[in-house]
Amino acid sequence: MPCVSADGKPTSSGMALLNSLKDGELSAEEIVNKTGQPLFRVRSGLRELKNAGFIEDKDEKYILSDNGSKIVQ
């Protein structure tokens, strides 16, 4: 299940990952606990969201980018 649609917008599963980050940085495992999605799906979604510029990674933790923050409001 993709996290970024062909038009470059987050899908519903992408939004779930972005929303899990609105309170601060989390590891992939912490995102799994918040969203209930399997780890393989969270990791692939994080890669997609990072490549699309919605999140950034820092020391194996993920945070919203400026662009991601605008969408999550």
PDB file of N, CA and C in Angstrom:
ATOM      1  N   MET A   1       0.850  -1.179   0.000  1.00  0.00           N
ATOM      2  CA  MET A   1       0.000   0.000   0.000  1.00  0.00           C
ATOM      3  C   MET A   1       0.893   1.237   0.000  1.00  0.00           C
ATOM      4  N   PRO A   2       0.821   2.035  -1.052  1.00  0.00           N
ATOM      5  CA  PRO A   2       1.697   3.207  -1.143  1.00  0.00           C
ATOM      6  C   PRO A   2       1.327   4.290  -0.123  1.00  0.00           C
ATOM      7  N   CYS A   3       2.322   5.057   0.259  1.00  0.00           N
ATOM      8  CA  CYS A   3       2.105   6.159   1.199  1.00  0.00           C
ATOM      9  C   CYS A   3       2.083   7.507   0.505  1.00  0.00           C
ATOM     10  N   VAL A   4       2.531   7.535  -0.752  1.00  0.00           N
ATOM     11  CA  VAL A   4       2.503   8.757  -1.548  1.00  0.00           C
ATOM     12  C   VAL A   4       1.849   8.404  -2.882  1.00  0.00           C
ATOM     13  N   SER A   5       0.808   9.138  -3.253  1.00  0.00           N
ATOM     14  CA  SER A   5       0.099   8.860  -4.499  1.00  0.00           C
ATOM     15  C   SER A   5       0.890   9.377  -5.697  1.00  0.00           C
ATOM     16  N   ALA A   6       0.424   9.027  -6.883  1.00  0.00           N
ATOM     17  CA  ALA A   6       1.106   9.424  -8.114  1.00  0.00           C
ATOM     18  C   ALA A   6       1.185  10.939  -8.275  1.00  0.00           C
ATOM     19  N   ASP A   7       0.229  11.663  -7.665  1.00  0.00           N
ATOM     20  CA  ASP A   7       0.259  13.130  -7.761  1.00  0.00           C
ATOM     21  C   ASP A   7       1.108  13.779  -6.674  1.00  0.00           C
ATOM     22  N   GLY A   8       1.810  12.946  -5.873  1.00  0.00           N
ATOM     23  CA  GLY A   8       2.737  13.469  -4.874  1.00  0.00           C
ATOM     24  C   GLY A   8       2.133  13.799  -3.530  1.00  0.00           C
ATOM     25  N   LYS A   9       0.865  13.449  -3.322  1.00  0.00           N
ATOM     26  CA  LYS A   9       0.208  13.713  -2.043  1.00  0.00           C
ATOM     27  C   LYS A   9       0.202  12.450  -1.196  1.00  0.00           C
ATOM     28  N   PRO A  10       0.252  12.606   0.132  1.00  0.00           N
ATOM     29  CA  PRO A  10       0.205  11.424   0.997  1.00  0.00           C
ATOM     30  C   PRO A  10      -1.143  10.712   0.887  1.00  0.00           C
ATOM     31  N   THR A  11      -1.103   9.387   0.878  1.00  0.00           N
ATOM     32  CA  THR A  11      -2.315   8.579   0.907  1.00  0.00           C
ATOM     33  C   THR A  11      -2.800   8.486   2.355  1.00  0.00           C
ATOM     34  N   SER A  12      -3.883   7.753   2.589  1.00  0.00           N
ATOM     35  CA  SER A  12      -4.379   7.619   3.966  1.00  0.00           C
ATOM     36  C   SER A  12      -3.357   6.920   4.865  1.00  0.00           C
ATOM     37  N   SER A  13      -2.658   5.917   4.337  1.00  0.00           N
ATOM     38  CA  SER A  13      -1.635   5.262   5.171  1.00  0.00           C
ATOM     39  C   SER A  13      -0.442   6.187   5.385  1.00  0.00           C
ATOM     40  N   GLY A  14      -0.120   7.008   4.397  1.00  0.00           N
ATOM     41  CA  GLY A  14       0.937   8.001   4.566  1.00  0.00           C
ATOM     42  C   GLY A  14       0.563   9.039   5.606  1.00  0.00           C
ATOM     43  N   MET A  15      -0.690   9.452   5.591  1.00  0.00           N
ATOM     44  CA  MET A  15      -1.158  10.425   6.586  1.00  0.00           C
ATOM     45  C   MET A  15      -1.104   9.837   7.992  1.00  0.00           C
ATOM     46  N   ALA A  16      -1.381   8.543   8.127  1.00  0.00           N
ATOM     47  CA  ALA A  16      -1.289   7.907   9.447  1.00  0.00           C
ATOM     48  C   ALA A  16       0.139   7.994   9.981  1.00  0.00           C
ATOM     49  N   LEU A  17       1.117   7.769   9.098  1.00  0.00           N
ATOM     50  CA  LEU A  17       2.523   7.869   9.521  1.00  0.00           C
ATOM     51  C   LEU A  17       2.874   9.313   9.853  1.00  0.00           C
ATOM     52  N   LEU A  18       2.446  10.244   9.017  1.00  0.00           N
ATOM     53  CA  LEU A  18       2.735  11.656   9.283  1.00  0.00           C
ATOM     54  C   LEU A  18       2.096  12.110  10.583  1.00  0.00           C
ATOM     55  N   ASN A  19       0.848  11.719  10.817  1.00  0.00           N
ATOM     56  CA  ASN A  19       0.163  12.109  12.048  1.00  0.00           C
ATOM     57  C   ASN A  19       0.842  11.547  13.292  1.00  0.00           C
ATOM     58  N   SER A  20       1.454  10.374  13.160  1.00  0.00           N
ATOM     59  CA  SER A  20       2.145   9.793  14.320  1.00  0.00           C
ATOM     60  C   SER A  20       3.356  10.626  14.719  1.00  0.00           C
ATOM     61  N   LEU A  21       3.864  11.439  13.785  1.00  0.00           N
ATOM     62  CA  LEU A  21       5.057  12.251  14.037  1.00  0.00           C
ATOM     63  C   LEU A  21       4.742  13.675  14.470  1.00  0.00           C
ATOM     64  N   LYS A  22       3.474  14.038  14.556  1.00  0.00           N
ATOM     65  CA  LYS A  22       3.160  15.441  14.843  1.00  0.00           C
ATOM     66  C   LYS A  22       3.547  15.879  16.251  1.00  0.00           C
ATOM     67  N   ASP A  23       3.742  14.929  17.162  1.00  0.00           N
ATOM     68  CA  ASP A  23       4.141  15.290  18.525  1.00  0.00           C
ATOM     69  C   ASP A  23       5.639  15.208  18.761  1.00  0.00           C
ATOM     70  N   GLY A  24       6.393  14.858  17.712  1.00  0.00           N
ATOM     71  CA  GLY A  24       7.843  14.800  17.877  1.00  0.00           C
ATOM     72  C   GLY A  24       8.454  13.621  17.159  1.00  0.00           C
ATOM     73  N   GLU A  25       9.749  13.482  17.305  1.00  0.00           N
ATOM     74  CA  GLU A  25      10.479  12.450  16.575  1.00  0.00           C
ATOM     75  C   GLU A  25      10.238  11.074  17.168  1.00  0.00           C
ATOM     76  N   LEU A  26      10.199  10.076  16.279  1.00  0.00           N
ATOM     77  CA  LEU A  26       9.973   8.685  16.676  1.00  0.00           C
ATOM     78  C   LEU A  26      10.833   7.759  15.829  1.00  0.00           C
ATOM     79  N   SER A  27      11.135   6.600  16.371  1.00  0.00           N
ATOM     80  CA  SER A  27      11.795   5.554  15.591  1.00  0.00           C
ATOM     81  C   SER A  27      10.725   4.790  14.817  1.00  0.00           C
ATOM     82  N   ALA A  28      11.155   3.975  13.877  1.00  0.00           N
ATOM     83  CA  ALA A  28      10.204   3.155  13.114  1.00  0.00           C
ATOM     84  C   ALA A  28       9.401   2.255  14.049  1.00  0.00           C
ATOM     85  N   GLU A  29      10.051   1.685  15.037  1.00  0.00           N
ATOM     86  CA  GLU A  29       9.368   0.802  15.979  1.00  0.00           C
ATOM     87  C   GLU A  29       8.325   1.555  16.807  1.00  0.00           C
ATOM     88  N   GLU A  30       8.623   2.777  17.179  1.00  0.00           N
ATOM     89  CA  GLU A  30       7.654   3.587  17.927  1.00  0.00           C
ATOM     90  C   GLU A  30       6.460   3.947  17.051  1.00  0.00           C
ATOM     91  N   ILE A  31       6.705   4.171  15.768  1.00  0.00           N
ATOM     92  CA  ILE A  31       5.618   4.459  14.836  1.00  0.00           C
ATOM     93  C   ILE A  31       4.726   3.229  14.683  1.00  0.00           C
ATOM     94  N   VAL A  32       5.325   2.044  14.646  1.00  0.00           N
ATOM     95  CA  VAL A  32       4.551   0.796  14.601  1.00  0.00           C
ATOM     96  C   VAL A  32       3.603   0.744  15.795  1.00  0.00           C
ATOM     97  N   ASN A  33       4.100   1.061  16.979  1.00  0.00           N
ATOM     98  CA  ASN A  33       3.269   1.029  18.189  1.00  0.00           C
ATOM     99  C   ASN A  33       2.129   2.033  18.131  1.00  0.00           C
ATOM    100  N   LYS A  34       2.373   3.194  17.535  1.00  0.00           N
ATOM    101  CA  LYS A  34       1.332   4.236  17.450  1.00  0.00           C
ATOM    102  C   LYS A  34       0.296   3.941  16.378  1.00  0.00           C
ATOM    103  N   THR A  35       0.735   3.360  15.252  1.00  0.00           N
ATOM    104  CA  THR A  35      -0.173   3.182  14.117  1.00  0.00           C
ATOM    105  C   THR A  35      -0.769   1.789  14.014  1.00  0.00           C
ATOM    106  N   GLY A  36      -0.107   0.805  14.580  1.00  0.00           N
ATOM    107  CA  GLY A  36      -0.566  -0.572  14.454  1.00  0.00           C
ATOM    108  C   GLY A  36      -0.233  -1.202  13.108  1.00  0.00           C
ATOM    109  N   GLN A  37       0.510  -0.485  12.265  1.00  0.00           N
ATOM    110  CA  GLN A  37       0.914  -1.024  10.966  1.00  0.00           C
ATOM    111  C   GLN A  37       2.131  -1.927  11.159  1.00  0.00           C
ATOM    112  N   PRO A  38       2.282  -2.947  10.305  1.00  0.00           N
ATOM    113  CA  PRO A  38       3.461  -3.813  10.416  1.00  0.00           C
ATOM    114  C   PRO A  38       4.754  -3.051  10.124  1.00  0.00           C
ATOM    115  N   LEU A  39       5.834  -3.508  10.725  1.00  0.00           N
ATOM    116  CA  LEU A  39       7.127  -2.826  10.597  1.00  0.00           C
ATOM    117  C   LEU A  39       7.567  -2.698   9.141  1.00  0.00           C
ATOM    118  N   PHE A  40       7.385  -3.735   8.332  1.00  0.00           N
ATOM    119  CA  PHE A  40       7.822  -3.649   6.931  1.00  0.00           C
ATOM    120  C   PHE A  40       7.063  -2.549   6.201  1.00  0.00           C
ATOM    121  N   ARG A  41       5.793  -2.373   6.511  1.00  0.00           N
ATOM    122  CA  ARG A  41       4.999  -1.336   5.847  1.00  0.00           C
ATOM    123  C   ARG A  41       5.415   0.053   6.334  1.00  0.00           C
ATOM    124  N   VAL A  42       5.682   0.177   7.627  1.00  0.00           N
ATOM    125  CA  VAL A  42       6.130   1.460   8.178  1.00  0.00           C
ATOM    126  C   VAL A  42       7.468   1.857   7.554  1.00  0.00           C
ATOM    127  N   ARG A  43       8.390   0.927   7.482  1.00  0.00           N
ATOM    128  CA  ARG A  43       9.707   1.246   6.907  1.00  0.00           C
ATOM    129  C   ARG A  43       9.605   1.656   5.440  1.00  0.00           C
ATOM    130  N   SER A  44       8.817   0.938   4.663  1.00  0.00           N
ATOM    131  CA  SER A  44       8.691   1.312   3.246  1.00  0.00           C
ATOM    132  C   SER A  44       7.962   2.648   3.112  1.00  0.00           C
ATOM    133  N   GLY A  45       6.972   2.882   3.958  1.00  0.00           N
ATOM    134  CA  GLY A  45       6.260   4.158   3.938  1.00  0.00           C
ATOM    135  C   GLY A  45       7.156   5.315   4.326  1.00  0.00           C
ATOM    136  N   LEU A  46       8.002   5.104   5.311  1.00  0.00           N
ATOM    137  CA  LEU A  46       8.933   6.161   5.727  1.00  0.00           C
ATOM    138  C   LEU A  46       9.899   6.507   4.599  1.00  0.00           C
ATOM    139  N   ARG A  47      10.351   5.492   3.867  1.00  0.00           N
ATOM    140  CA  ARG A  47      11.233   5.752   2.713  1.00  0.00           C
ATOM    141  C   ARG A  47      10.506   6.604   1.671  1.00  0.00           C
ATOM    142  N   GLU A  48       9.264   6.236   1.377  1.00  0.00           N
ATOM    143  CA  GLU A  48       8.487   7.003   0.393  1.00  0.00           C
ATOM    144  C   GLU A  48       8.274   8.443   0.852  1.00  0.00           C
ATOM    145  N   LEU A  49       7.889   8.607   2.104  1.00  0.00           N
ATOM    146  CA  LEU A  49       7.621   9.950   2.634  1.00  0.00           C
ATOM    147  C   LEU A  49       8.897  10.785   2.687  1.00  0.00           C
ATOM    148  N   LYS A  50      10.013  10.150   2.990  1.00  0.00           N
ATOM    149  CA  LYS A  50      11.295  10.873   3.003  1.00  0.00           C
ATOM    150  C   LYS A  50      11.666  11.304   1.589  1.00  0.00           C
ATOM    151  N   ASN A  51      11.533  10.397   0.621  1.00  0.00           N
ATOM    152  CA  ASN A  51      11.858  10.726  -0.768  1.00  0.00           C
ATOM    153  C   ASN A  51      10.958  11.828  -1.320  1.00  0.00           C
ATOM    154  N   ALA A  52       9.726  11.909  -0.807  1.00  0.00           N
ATOM    155  CA  ALA A  52       8.783  12.941  -1.252  1.00  0.00           C
ATOM    156  C   ALA A  52       8.975  14.257  -0.495  1.00  0.00           C
ATOM    157  N   GLY A  53       9.854  14.256   0.525  1.00  0.00           N
ATOM    158  CA  GLY A  53      10.151  15.484   1.253  1.00  0.00           C
ATOM    159  C   GLY A  53       9.212  15.802   2.404  1.00  0.00           C
ATOM    160  N   PHE A  54       8.435  14.810   2.875  1.00  0.00           N
ATOM    161  CA  PHE A  54       7.500  15.043   3.969  1.00  0.00           C
ATOM    162  C   PHE A  54       8.121  14.807   5.353  1.00  0.00           C
ATOM    163  N   ILE A  55       9.175  13.988   5.400  1.00  0.00           N
ATOM    164  CA  ILE A  55       9.845  13.712   6.669  1.00  0.00           C
ATOM    165  C   ILE A  55      11.352  13.747   6.467  1.00  0.00           C
ATOM    166  N   GLU A  56      12.060  13.799   7.590  1.00  0.00           N
ATOM    167  CA  GLU A  56      13.521  13.734   7.601  1.00  0.00           C
ATOM    168  C   GLU A  56      13.916  12.699   8.643  1.00  0.00           C
ATOM    169  N   ASP A  57      15.062  12.084   8.448  1.00  0.00           N
ATOM    170  CA  ASP A  57      15.551  11.162   9.474  1.00  0.00           C
ATOM    171  C   ASP A  57      16.788  11.729  10.131  1.00  0.00           C
ATOM    172  N   LYS A  58      16.894  11.414  11.423  1.00  0.00           N
ATOM    173  CA  LYS A  58      17.978  11.945  12.235  1.00  0.00           C
ATOM    174  C   LYS A  58      18.292  10.917  13.312  1.00  0.00           C
ATOM    175  N   ASP A  59      19.465  10.303  13.223  1.00  0.00           N
ATOM    176  CA  ASP A  59      19.882   9.305  14.215  1.00  0.00           C
ATOM    177  C   ASP A  59      18.839   8.203  14.404  1.00  0.00           C
ATOM    178  N   GLU A  60      18.363   7.639  13.289  1.00  0.00           N
ATOM    179  CA  GLU A  60      17.379   6.552  13.284  1.00  0.00           C
ATOM    180  C   GLU A  60      16.028   6.938  13.876  1.00  0.00           C
ATOM    181  N   LYS A  61      15.770   8.221  13.953  1.00  0.00           N
ATOM    182  CA  LYS A  61      14.459   8.749  14.353  1.00  0.00           C
ATOM    183  C   LYS A  61      13.934   9.572  13.190  1.00  0.00           C
ATOM    184  N   TYR A  62      12.646   9.713  13.122  1.00  0.00           N
ATOM    185  CA  TYR A  62      12.014  10.443  12.021  1.00  0.00           C
ATOM    186  C   TYR A  62      11.263  11.643  12.565  1.00  0.00           C
ATOM    187  N   ILE A  63      11.331  12.744  11.810  1.00  0.00           N
ATOM    188  CA  ILE A  63      10.626  13.971  12.177  1.00  0.00           C
ATOM    189  C   ILE A  63       9.946  14.532  10.930  1.00  0.00           C
ATOM    190  N   LEU A  64       8.937  15.329  11.138  1.00  0.00           N
ATOM    191  CA  LEU A  64       8.270  15.994  10.026  1.00  0.00           C
ATOM    192  C   LEU A  64       9.182  17.075   9.446  1.00  0.00           C
ATOM    193  N   SER A  65       9.211  17.179   8.139  1.00  0.00           N
ATOM    194  CA  SER A  65       9.899  18.281   7.501  1.00  0.00           C
ATOM    195  C   SER A  65       8.957  19.480   7.530  1.00  0.00           C
ATOM    196  N   ASP A  66       9.419  20.620   7.066  1.00  0.00           N
ATOM    197  CA  ASP A  66       8.529  21.784   6.990  1.00  0.00           C
ATOM    198  C   ASP A  66       7.307  21.478   6.126  1.00  0.00           C
ATOM    199  N   ASN A  67       7.541  20.802   5.010  1.00  0.00           N
ATOM    200  CA  ASN A  67       6.462  20.431   4.104  1.00  0.00           C
ATOM    201  C   ASN A  67       5.481  19.466   4.781  1.00  0.00           C
ATOM    202  N   GLY A  68       6.012  18.489   5.508  1.00  0.00           N
ATOM    203  CA  GLY A  68       5.166  17.545   6.238  1.00  0.00           C
ATOM    204  C   GLY A  68       4.365  18.214   7.328  1.00  0.00           C
ATOM    205  N   SER A  69       4.974  19.164   8.008  1.00  0.00           N
ATOM    206  CA  SER A  69       4.271  19.900   9.080  1.00  0.00           C
ATOM    207  C   SER A  69       3.077  20.674   8.548  1.00  0.00           C
ATOM    208  N   LYS A  70       3.207  21.217   7.355  1.00  0.00           N
ATOM    209  CA  LYS A  70       2.108  21.974   6.748  1.00  0.00           C
ATOM    210  C   LYS A  70       0.902  21.071   6.471  1.00  0.00           C
ATOM    211  N   ILE A  71       1.170  19.844   6.095  1.00  0.00           N
ATOM    212  CA  ILE A  71       0.088  18.909   5.749  1.00  0.00           C
ATOM    213  C   ILE A  71      -0.616  18.379   7.001  1.00  0.00           C
ATOM    214  N   VAL A  72       0.116  18.182   8.070  1.00  0.00           N
ATOM    215  CA  VAL A  72      -0.422  17.544   9.279  1.00  0.00           C
ATOM    216  C   VAL A  72      -1.261  18.487  10.134  1.00  0.00           C
ATOM    217  N   GLN A  73      -1.083  19.766  10.028  1.00  0.00           N
ATOM    218  CA  GLN A  73      -1.791  20.731  10.869  1.00  0.00           C
ATOM    219  C   GLN A  73      -3.142  20.265  11.157  1.00  0.00           C
TER     220      GLN A  73
END
